[in-house]
């Protein structure tokens, strides 16, 4: 396959977690537009269903499931839906994640366990379930989501950054383990991206963010970028599409970054 045809996902089946919003939602819409059939999972089952409905209304093929990615059996059931509905699994995008803000001295054990469970165990379970299908199949692309924070230390993000660093090393280790089975494993490491995570550290006790503070924060993020911009969810979704496609058939164990250059200046 040559030219733009390498980006065609017709006949491929992709499973995406975190598909109700943000990067996961954008990835679902992007892969559907490229021709993939989709299995969409999110702890917000209604949100995943809304994403599914938009894709189906646009002529795509998709099913949606409620899934708690911290529960291995639920992730396995989500992946099984791909083979049950569409007969195979070509792409696993482990997008579901959560932000966490706070100084280490203030982080409770419960918060530590919550973030580890969602950001690391959930990704591990997704990789595990996907590999159980892809190894006998002899092919597949697994795409995880790390973060620029793994290379750019920021106070108050210690727990979050540590879980995302774990995802990066899991990705590279699995790339070695899965390579001889024809499976590629990569991760994207988003920089500041306009999703519902934005401004989490600015929220008050009622979850409200002051508009002036948010504008100031967005200006700070743009000023830290050589391009003077911040990423949108679609920028990260395009990287997921790239890694899902034959354009990257020999790319594995890599960390790809879309961050408007923040990682070289921050």
C-alpha atoms as a PDB file:
ATOM      1  CA  UNK A   1       0.000   0.000   0.000  1.00  0.00           C
ATOM      2  CA  UNK A   2       1.410   3.391  -0.996  1.00  0.00           C
ATOM      3  CA  UNK A   3       0.592   7.079  -0.772  1.00  0.00           C
ATOM      4  CA  UNK A   4      -2.387   8.170   1.283  1.00  0.00           C
ATOM      5  CA  UNK A   5      -3.728   4.634   1.174  1.00  0.00           C
ATOM      6  CA  UNK A   6      -1.499   3.717   4.118  1.00  0.00           C
ATOM      7  CA  UNK A   7      -3.839   5.736   6.322  1.00  0.00           C
ATOM      8  CA  UNK A   8      -6.956   3.841   5.254  1.00  0.00           C
ATOM      9  CA  UNK A   9      -8.360   1.759   8.120  1.00  0.00           C
ATOM     10  CA  UNK A  10     -11.157   0.109   6.157  1.00  0.00           C
ATOM     11  CA  UNK A  11     -11.613  -3.451   7.362  1.00  0.00           C
ATOM     12  CA  UNK A  12      -9.805  -2.737  10.631  1.00  0.00           C
ATOM     13  CA  UNK A  13     -11.373  -2.999  14.072  1.00  0.00           C
ATOM     14  CA  UNK A  14     -10.351  -0.655  16.881  1.00  0.00           C
ATOM     15  CA  UNK A  15     -11.182  -0.658  20.582  1.00  0.00           C
ATOM     16  CA  UNK A  16     -10.910   2.674  22.399  1.00  0.00           C
ATOM     17  CA  UNK A  17     -11.239   3.350  26.119  1.00  0.00           C
ATOM     18  CA  UNK A  18     -12.099   6.801  27.416  1.00  0.00           C
ATOM     19  CA  UNK A  19     -14.281   7.279  24.341  1.00  0.00           C
ATOM     20  CA  UNK A  20     -16.937   9.466  25.960  1.00  0.00           C
ATOM     21  CA  UNK A  21     -14.930  12.679  25.849  1.00  0.00           C
ATOM     22  CA  UNK A  22     -11.621  14.375  25.169  1.00  0.00           C
ATOM     23  CA  UNK A  23      -8.869  12.531  23.321  1.00  0.00           C
ATOM     24  CA  UNK A  24     -10.755   9.229  23.332  1.00  0.00           C
ATOM     25  CA  UNK A  25     -13.836  10.776  21.765  1.00  0.00           C
ATOM     26  CA  UNK A  26     -11.722  12.554  19.149  1.00  0.00           C
ATOM     27  CA  UNK A  27      -9.833   9.336  18.405  1.00  0.00           C
ATOM     28  CA  UNK A  28     -13.102   7.479  17.896  1.00  0.00           C
ATOM     29  CA  UNK A  29     -14.356  10.031  15.396  1.00  0.00           C
ATOM     30  CA  UNK A  30     -10.997  10.135  13.595  1.00  0.00           C
ATOM     31  CA  UNK A  31     -10.590   6.365  13.260  1.00  0.00           C
ATOM     32  CA  UNK A  32     -14.208   6.007  12.170  1.00  0.00           C
ATOM     33  CA  UNK A  33     -13.648   8.603   9.445  1.00  0.00           C
ATOM     34  CA  UNK A  34     -10.627   6.546   8.323  1.00  0.00           C
ATOM     35  CA  UNK A  35     -12.885   3.507   7.913  1.00  0.00           C
ATOM     36  CA  UNK A  36     -12.398   1.513  11.114  1.00  0.00           C
ATOM     37  CA  UNK A  37     -15.176  -0.312  12.937  1.00  0.00           C
ATOM     38  CA  UNK A  38     -15.132   0.627  16.605  1.00  0.00           C
ATOM     39  CA  UNK A  39     -15.761  -0.735  20.066  1.00  0.00           C
ATOM     40  CA  UNK A  40     -16.041   2.218  22.424  1.00  0.00           C
ATOM     41  CA  UNK A  41     -15.676   1.968  26.178  1.00  0.00           C
ATOM     42  CA  UNK A  42     -15.930   4.463  29.006  1.00  0.00           C
ATOM     43  CA  UNK A  43     -16.966   4.462  32.641  1.00  0.00           C
ATOM     44  CA  UNK A  44     -19.502   7.009  31.397  1.00  0.00           C
ATOM     45  CA  UNK A  45     -21.510   4.538  29.391  1.00  0.00           C
ATOM     46  CA  UNK A  46     -24.027   7.138  28.249  1.00  0.00           C
ATOM     47  CA  UNK A  47     -21.207   9.335  26.987  1.00  0.00           C
ATOM     48  CA  UNK A  48     -19.702   6.427  25.048  1.00  0.00           C
ATOM     49  CA  UNK A  49     -23.137   5.749  23.574  1.00  0.00           C
ATOM     50  CA  UNK A  50     -23.396   9.360  22.408  1.00  0.00           C
ATOM     51  CA  UNK A  51     -20.046   9.030  20.644  1.00  0.00           C
ATOM     52  CA  UNK A  52     -21.271   5.794  19.063  1.00  0.00           C
ATOM     53  CA  UNK A  53     -24.494   7.399  17.900  1.00  0.00           C
ATOM     54  CA  UNK A  54     -22.669  10.235  16.132  1.00  0.00           C
ATOM     55  CA  UNK A  55     -20.435   7.731  14.351  1.00  0.00           C
ATOM     56  CA  UNK A  56     -23.316   5.490  13.310  1.00  0.00           C
ATOM     57  CA  UNK A  57     -25.362   8.492  12.173  1.00  0.00           C
ATOM     58  CA  UNK A  58     -22.400   9.446   9.995  1.00  0.00           C
ATOM     59  CA  UNK A  59     -22.374   6.041   8.331  1.00  0.00           C
ATOM     60  CA  UNK A  60     -19.765   4.368  10.519  1.00  0.00           C
ATOM     61  CA  UNK A  61     -19.864   1.128  12.482  1.00  0.00           C
ATOM     62  CA  UNK A  62     -19.555   1.225  16.255  1.00  0.00           C
ATOM     63  CA  UNK A  63     -20.755  -0.341  19.478  1.00  0.00           C
ATOM     64  CA  UNK A  64     -20.453   1.163  22.941  1.00  0.00           C
ATOM     65  CA  UNK A  65     -20.020  -0.384  26.364  1.00  0.00           C
ATOM     66  CA  UNK A  66     -19.772   0.922  29.902  1.00  0.00           C
ATOM     67  CA  UNK A  67     -16.401  -0.154  31.300  1.00  0.00           C
ATOM     68  CA  UNK A  68     -14.431   0.458  34.461  1.00  0.00           C
ATOM     69  CA  UNK A  69     -10.875   0.010  33.221  1.00  0.00           C
ATOM     70  CA  UNK A  70      -9.612  -0.674  36.745  1.00  0.00           C
ATOM     71  CA  UNK A  71     -11.471  -3.995  36.598  1.00  0.00           C
ATOM     72  CA  UNK A  72      -9.657  -6.590  34.485  1.00  0.00           C
ATOM     73  CA  UNK A  73     -12.758  -8.635  33.723  1.00  0.00           C
ATOM     74  CA  UNK A  74     -14.591  -5.574  32.394  1.00  0.00           C
ATOM     75  CA  UNK A  75     -11.704  -4.683  30.098  1.00  0.00           C
ATOM     76  CA  UNK A  76     -11.575  -8.275  28.854  1.00  0.00           C
ATOM     77  CA  UNK A  77     -15.306  -8.107  28.127  1.00  0.00           C
ATOM     78  CA  UNK A  78     -14.821  -4.869  26.186  1.00  0.00           C
ATOM     79  CA  UNK A  79     -12.125  -6.434  24.016  1.00  0.00           C
ATOM     80  CA  UNK A  80     -14.256  -9.551  23.563  1.00  0.00           C
ATOM     81  CA  UNK A  81     -16.963  -7.306  22.132  1.00  0.00           C
ATOM     82  CA  UNK A  82     -14.608  -6.515  19.251  1.00  0.00           C
ATOM     83  CA  UNK A  83     -14.245 -10.145  18.251  1.00  0.00           C
ATOM     84  CA  UNK A  84     -17.908 -10.894  18.955  1.00  0.00           C
ATOM     85  CA  UNK A  85     -19.202  -7.973  16.883  1.00  0.00           C
ATOM     86  CA  UNK A  86     -16.560  -7.662  14.174  1.00  0.00           C
ATOM     87  CA  UNK A  87     -14.503 -10.862  14.251  1.00  0.00           C
ATOM     88  CA  UNK A  88     -11.086  -9.421  15.080  1.00  0.00           C
ATOM     89  CA  UNK A  89      -9.115  -6.677  16.847  1.00  0.00           C
ATOM     90  CA  UNK A  90      -6.522  -4.624  14.987  1.00  0.00           C
ATOM     91  CA  UNK A  91      -6.095  -1.560  17.192  1.00  0.00           C
ATOM     92  CA  UNK A  92      -6.292  -1.082  20.957  1.00  0.00           C
ATOM     93  CA  UNK A  93      -6.169   2.529  22.125  1.00  0.00           C
ATOM     94  CA  UNK A  94      -5.906   2.792  25.906  1.00  0.00           C
ATOM     95  CA  UNK A  95      -6.936   6.407  26.335  1.00  0.00           C
ATOM     96  CA  UNK A  96      -8.886   6.386  29.607  1.00  0.00           C
ATOM     97  CA  UNK A  97      -7.058   8.329  32.287  1.00  0.00           C
ATOM     98  CA  UNK A  98      -7.424  10.840  35.059  1.00  0.00           C
ATOM     99  CA  UNK A  99      -5.603  13.951  36.213  1.00  0.00           C
ATOM    100  CA  UNK A 100      -4.307  14.440  39.727  1.00  0.00           C
ATOM    101  CA  UNK A 101      -3.056  17.620  41.322  1.00  0.00           C
ATOM    102  CA  UNK A 102      -1.554  18.176  44.754  1.00  0.00           C
ATOM    103  CA  UNK A 103       1.637  18.313  46.759  1.00  0.00           C
ATOM    104  CA  UNK A 104       2.949  14.923  47.855  1.00  0.00           C
ATOM    105  CA  UNK A 105       2.503  15.768  51.536  1.00  0.00           C
ATOM    106  CA  UNK A 106      -1.217  16.230  50.912  1.00  0.00           C
ATOM    107  CA  UNK A 107      -1.903  13.170  48.736  1.00  0.00           C
ATOM    108  CA  UNK A 108      -3.991  10.547  50.509  1.00  0.00           C
ATOM    109  CA  UNK A 109      -3.454   6.833  50.066  1.00  0.00           C
ATOM    110  CA  UNK A 110      -6.918   6.635  48.534  1.00  0.00           C
ATOM    111  CA  UNK A 111      -6.010   9.241  45.911  1.00  0.00           C
ATOM    112  CA  UNK A 112      -2.734   7.476  45.155  1.00  0.00           C
ATOM    113  CA  UNK A 113      -4.551   4.177  44.677  1.00  0.00           C
ATOM    114  CA  UNK A 114      -7.225   5.816  42.495  1.00  0.00           C
ATOM    115  CA  UNK A 115      -4.745   7.393  40.087  1.00  0.00           C
ATOM    116  CA  UNK A 116      -2.547   4.286  39.913  1.00  0.00           C
ATOM    117  CA  UNK A 117      -5.584   2.130  39.200  1.00  0.00           C
ATOM    118  CA  UNK A 118      -6.942   4.288  36.381  1.00  0.00           C
ATOM    119  CA  UNK A 119      -3.731   5.537  34.779  1.00  0.00           C
ATOM    120  CA  UNK A 120      -1.602   2.414  35.048  1.00  0.00           C
ATOM    121  CA  UNK A 121      -3.638  -0.686  35.899  1.00  0.00           C
ATOM    122  CA  UNK A 122      -6.296   0.273  33.370  1.00  0.00           C
ATOM    123  CA  UNK A 123      -3.698   0.591  30.626  1.00  0.00           C
ATOM    124  CA  UNK A 124      -2.044  -2.677  31.676  1.00  0.00           C
ATOM    125  CA  UNK A 125      -5.375  -4.508  31.568  1.00  0.00           C
ATOM    126  CA  UNK A 126      -6.096  -3.044  28.133  1.00  0.00           C
ATOM    127  CA  UNK A 127      -2.729  -4.178  26.784  1.00  0.00           C
ATOM    128  CA  UNK A 128      -3.146  -7.604  28.357  1.00  0.00           C
ATOM    129  CA  UNK A 129      -6.629  -8.189  26.970  1.00  0.00           C
ATOM    130  CA  UNK A 130      -5.640  -6.947  23.523  1.00  0.00           C
ATOM    131  CA  UNK A 131      -2.530  -9.123  23.377  1.00  0.00           C
ATOM    132  CA  UNK A 132      -4.568 -12.207  24.236  1.00  0.00           C
ATOM    133  CA  UNK A 133      -6.427 -11.604  20.973  1.00  0.00           C
ATOM    134  CA  UNK A 134      -3.593 -10.193  18.877  1.00  0.00           C
ATOM    135  CA  UNK A 135      -0.897 -12.790  19.651  1.00  0.00           C
ATOM    136  CA  UNK A 136      -2.802 -15.724  18.100  1.00  0.00           C
ATOM    137  CA  UNK A 137      -3.982 -13.360  15.361  1.00  0.00           C
ATOM    138  CA  UNK A 138      -0.356 -12.448  14.589  1.00  0.00           C
ATOM    139  CA  UNK A 139      -0.902  -8.716  14.176  1.00  0.00           C
ATOM    140  CA  UNK A 140      -2.113  -5.570  15.882  1.00  0.00           C
ATOM    141  CA  UNK A 141      -1.291  -2.084  17.075  1.00  0.00           C
ATOM    142  CA  UNK A 142      -1.573  -1.073  20.728  1.00  0.00           C
ATOM    143  CA  UNK A 143      -1.520   2.638  21.479  1.00  0.00           C
ATOM    144  CA  UNK A 144      -1.222   3.967  25.013  1.00  0.00           C
ATOM    145  CA  UNK A 145      -1.382   7.494  26.396  1.00  0.00           C
ATOM    146  CA  UNK A 146       1.449   8.823  28.532  1.00  0.00           C
ATOM    147  CA  UNK A 147       2.158  12.564  29.017  1.00  0.00           C
ATOM    148  CA  UNK A 148       4.768  15.246  28.439  1.00  0.00           C
ATOM    149  CA  UNK A 149       4.965  15.411  32.243  1.00  0.00           C
ATOM    150  CA  UNK A 150       7.201  12.311  32.183  1.00  0.00           C
ATOM    151  CA  UNK A 151      10.035  14.505  30.890  1.00  0.00           C
ATOM    152  CA  UNK A 152       9.002  17.903  32.193  1.00  0.00           C
ATOM    153  CA  UNK A 153       8.801  17.866  36.005  1.00  0.00           C
ATOM    154  CA  UNK A 154       6.118  20.106  37.459  1.00  0.00           C
ATOM    155  CA  UNK A 155       5.324  20.570  41.131  1.00  0.00           C
ATOM    156  CA  UNK A 156       1.952  19.183  42.132  1.00  0.00           C
ATOM    157  CA  UNK A 157       1.928  16.531  39.399  1.00  0.00           C
ATOM    158  CA  UNK A 158       4.136  13.921  41.065  1.00  0.00           C
ATOM    159  CA  UNK A 159       1.536  11.160  41.250  1.00  0.00           C
ATOM    160  CA  UNK A 160       0.170  11.846  37.776  1.00  0.00           C
ATOM    161  CA  UNK A 161       3.627  12.031  36.189  1.00  0.00           C
ATOM    162  CA  UNK A 162       4.768   8.831  37.901  1.00  0.00           C
ATOM    163  CA  UNK A 163       1.801   6.863  36.559  1.00  0.00           C
ATOM    164  CA  UNK A 164       2.366   8.215  33.062  1.00  0.00           C
ATOM    165  CA  UNK A 165       6.076   7.336  33.242  1.00  0.00           C
ATOM    166  CA  UNK A 166       5.026   3.806  34.150  1.00  0.00           C
ATOM    167  CA  UNK A 167       2.870   3.719  31.013  1.00  0.00           C
ATOM    168  CA  UNK A 168       5.849   4.754  28.883  1.00  0.00           C
ATOM    169  CA  UNK A 169       8.054   1.966  30.234  1.00  0.00           C
ATOM    170  CA  UNK A 170       5.226  -0.572  29.989  1.00  0.00           C
ATOM    171  CA  UNK A 171       4.864   0.416  26.346  1.00  0.00           C
ATOM    172  CA  UNK A 172       8.527  -0.117  25.541  1.00  0.00           C
ATOM    173  CA  UNK A 173       8.728  -3.392  27.443  1.00  0.00           C
ATOM    174  CA  UNK A 174       5.649  -4.761  25.700  1.00  0.00           C
ATOM    175  CA  UNK A 175       7.010  -3.678  22.324  1.00  0.00           C
ATOM    176  CA  UNK A 176       9.885  -6.105  22.881  1.00  0.00           C
ATOM    177  CA  UNK A 177       7.599  -8.833  24.198  1.00  0.00           C
ATOM    178  CA  UNK A 178       4.998  -8.532  21.457  1.00  0.00           C
ATOM    179  CA  UNK A 179       7.166  -7.777  18.455  1.00  0.00           C
ATOM    180  CA  UNK A 180       7.760 -11.355  17.339  1.00  0.00           C
ATOM    181  CA  UNK A 181       3.988 -11.816  17.256  1.00  0.00           C
ATOM    182  CA  UNK A 182       3.657  -8.969  14.767  1.00  0.00           C
ATOM    183  CA  UNK A 183       2.232  -6.554  17.338  1.00  0.00           C
ATOM    184  CA  UNK A 184       3.363  -2.938  17.575  1.00  0.00           C
ATOM    185  CA  UNK A 185       3.117  -1.092  20.898  1.00  0.00           C
ATOM    186  CA  UNK A 186       3.575   2.677  21.087  1.00  0.00           C
ATOM    187  CA  UNK A 187       2.461   5.566  23.242  1.00  0.00           C
ATOM    188  CA  UNK A 188       1.599   9.168  22.622  1.00  0.00           C
ATOM    189  CA  UNK A 189       2.679  11.691  25.247  1.00  0.00           C
ATOM    190  CA  UNK A 190       0.342  14.671  24.964  1.00  0.00           C
ATOM    191  CA  UNK A 191       1.374  18.090  26.125  1.00  0.00           C
ATOM    192  CA  UNK A 192      -1.172  20.575  27.391  1.00  0.00           C
ATOM    193  CA  UNK A 193      -4.349  19.672  25.516  1.00  0.00           C
ATOM    194  CA  UNK A 194      -7.756  21.318  25.643  1.00  0.00           C
ATOM    195  CA  UNK A 195      -9.904  18.620  27.249  1.00  0.00           C
ATOM    196  CA  UNK A 196     -12.029  18.353  30.376  1.00  0.00           C
ATOM    197  CA  UNK A 197      -8.797  17.826  32.347  1.00  0.00           C
ATOM    198  CA  UNK A 198      -7.792  21.441  31.721  1.00  0.00           C
ATOM    199  CA  UNK A 199      -7.630  23.638  34.782  1.00  0.00           C
ATOM    200  CA  UNK A 200      -8.244  20.846  37.256  1.00  0.00           C
ATOM    201  CA  UNK A 201      -5.882  22.477  39.735  1.00  0.00           C
ATOM    202  CA  UNK A 202      -7.836  25.736  39.419  1.00  0.00           C
ATOM    203  CA  UNK A 203     -11.192  24.294  40.429  1.00  0.00           C
ATOM    204  CA  UNK A 204     -12.749  25.321  43.707  1.00  0.00           C
ATOM    205  CA  UNK A 205     -14.519  22.983  46.126  1.00  0.00           C
ATOM    206  CA  UNK A 206     -17.584  23.023  43.858  1.00  0.00           C
ATOM    207  CA  UNK A 207     -15.582  22.227  40.729  1.00  0.00           C
ATOM    208  CA  UNK A 208     -15.897  25.723  39.280  1.00  0.00           C
ATOM    209  CA  UNK A 209     -12.995  27.478  37.548  1.00  0.00           C
ATOM    210  CA  UNK A 210     -12.786  31.271  37.530  1.00  0.00           C
ATOM    211  CA  UNK A 211     -12.849  32.474  33.903  1.00  0.00           C
ATOM    212  CA  UNK A 212     -10.134  35.087  34.456  1.00  0.00           C
ATOM    213  CA  UNK A 213      -7.820  32.524  36.055  1.00  0.00           C
ATOM    214  CA  UNK A 214      -8.447  30.119  33.183  1.00  0.00           C
ATOM    215  CA  UNK A 215      -7.650  32.766  30.563  1.00  0.00           C
ATOM    216  CA  UNK A 216      -4.427  33.561  32.397  1.00  0.00           C
ATOM    217  CA  UNK A 217      -3.533  29.879  32.556  1.00  0.00           C
ATOM    218  CA  UNK A 218      -4.161  29.354  28.842  1.00  0.00           C
ATOM    219  CA  UNK A 219      -1.973  32.371  28.038  1.00  0.00           C
ATOM    220  CA  UNK A 220       0.804  30.876  30.167  1.00  0.00           C
ATOM    221  CA  UNK A 221       0.571  27.585  28.284  1.00  0.00           C
ATOM    222  CA  UNK A 222       0.672  29.337  24.905  1.00  0.00           C
ATOM    223  CA  UNK A 223       3.648  31.435  25.994  1.00  0.00           C
ATOM    224  CA  UNK A 224       5.526  28.224  26.856  1.00  0.00           C
ATOM    225  CA  UNK A 225       5.080  26.924  23.318  1.00  0.00           C
ATOM    226  CA  UNK A 226       7.485  27.832  20.493  1.00  0.00           C
ATOM    227  CA  UNK A 227       4.437  27.780  18.209  1.00  0.00           C
ATOM    228  CA  UNK A 228       2.402  29.979  20.538  1.00  0.00           C
ATOM    229  CA  UNK A 229      -0.418  27.449  20.567  1.00  0.00           C
ATOM    230  CA  UNK A 230      -1.902  24.680  22.675  1.00  0.00           C
ATOM    231  CA  UNK A 231      -3.099  21.314  21.414  1.00  0.00           C
ATOM    232  CA  UNK A 232      -6.667  20.238  20.887  1.00  0.00           C
ATOM    233  CA  UNK A 233      -7.943  16.697  21.314  1.00  0.00           C
ATOM    234  CA  UNK A 234      -7.915  16.244  17.540  1.00  0.00           C
ATOM    235  CA  UNK A 235      -4.134  16.770  17.470  1.00  0.00           C
ATOM    236  CA  UNK A 236      -3.676  13.771  19.755  1.00  0.00           C
ATOM    237  CA  UNK A 237      -6.288  11.770  17.849  1.00  0.00           C
ATOM    238  CA  UNK A 238      -4.312  12.267  14.644  1.00  0.00           C
ATOM    239  CA  UNK A 239      -1.247  10.717  16.296  1.00  0.00           C
ATOM    240  CA  UNK A 240      -3.356   7.733  17.349  1.00  0.00           C
ATOM    241  CA  UNK A 241      -4.565   7.387  13.752  1.00  0.00           C
ATOM    242  CA  UNK A 242      -0.958   7.573  12.529  1.00  0.00           C
ATOM    243  CA  UNK A 243       0.103   4.783  14.891  1.00  0.00           C
ATOM    244  CA  UNK A 244      -2.938   2.691  14.007  1.00  0.00           C
ATOM    245  CA  UNK A 245      -2.163   2.871  10.297  1.00  0.00           C
ATOM    246  CA  UNK A 246       0.242   1.097   7.967  1.00  0.00           C
ATOM    247  CA  UNK A 247       2.202   4.346   7.727  1.00  0.00           C
ATOM    248  CA  UNK A 248       3.889   3.197  10.939  1.00  0.00           C
ATOM    249  CA  UNK A 249       4.124  -0.522  10.187  1.00  0.00           C
ATOM    250  CA  UNK A 250       7.726  -0.627  11.462  1.00  0.00           C
ATOM    251  CA  UNK A 251       7.283   1.835  14.333  1.00  0.00           C
ATOM    252  CA  UNK A 252       7.169   0.243  17.778  1.00  0.00           C
ATOM    253  CA  UNK A 253       8.316   1.045  21.297  1.00  0.00           C
ATOM    254  CA  UNK A 254       8.163   4.763  20.564  1.00  0.00           C
ATOM    255  CA  UNK A 255       6.879   7.797  22.456  1.00  0.00           C
ATOM    256  CA  UNK A 256       5.288  10.320  20.080  1.00  0.00           C
ATOM    257  CA  UNK A 257       4.629  13.854  21.252  1.00  0.00           C
ATOM    258  CA  UNK A 258       2.235  16.536  20.074  1.00  0.00           C
ATOM    259  CA  UNK A 259       2.765  19.452  22.449  1.00  0.00           C
ATOM    260  CA  UNK A 260       3.405  22.519  20.266  1.00  0.00           C
ATOM    261  CA  UNK A 261       7.060  22.275  21.288  1.00  0.00           C
ATOM    262  CA  UNK A 262       6.497  22.674  25.021  1.00  0.00           C
ATOM    263  CA  UNK A 263       8.781  19.757  25.854  1.00  0.00           C
ATOM    264  CA  UNK A 264      11.818  21.575  24.428  1.00  0.00           C
ATOM    265  CA  UNK A 265      11.234  24.910  26.145  1.00  0.00           C
ATOM    266  CA  UNK A 266       9.411  24.167  29.390  1.00  0.00           C
END
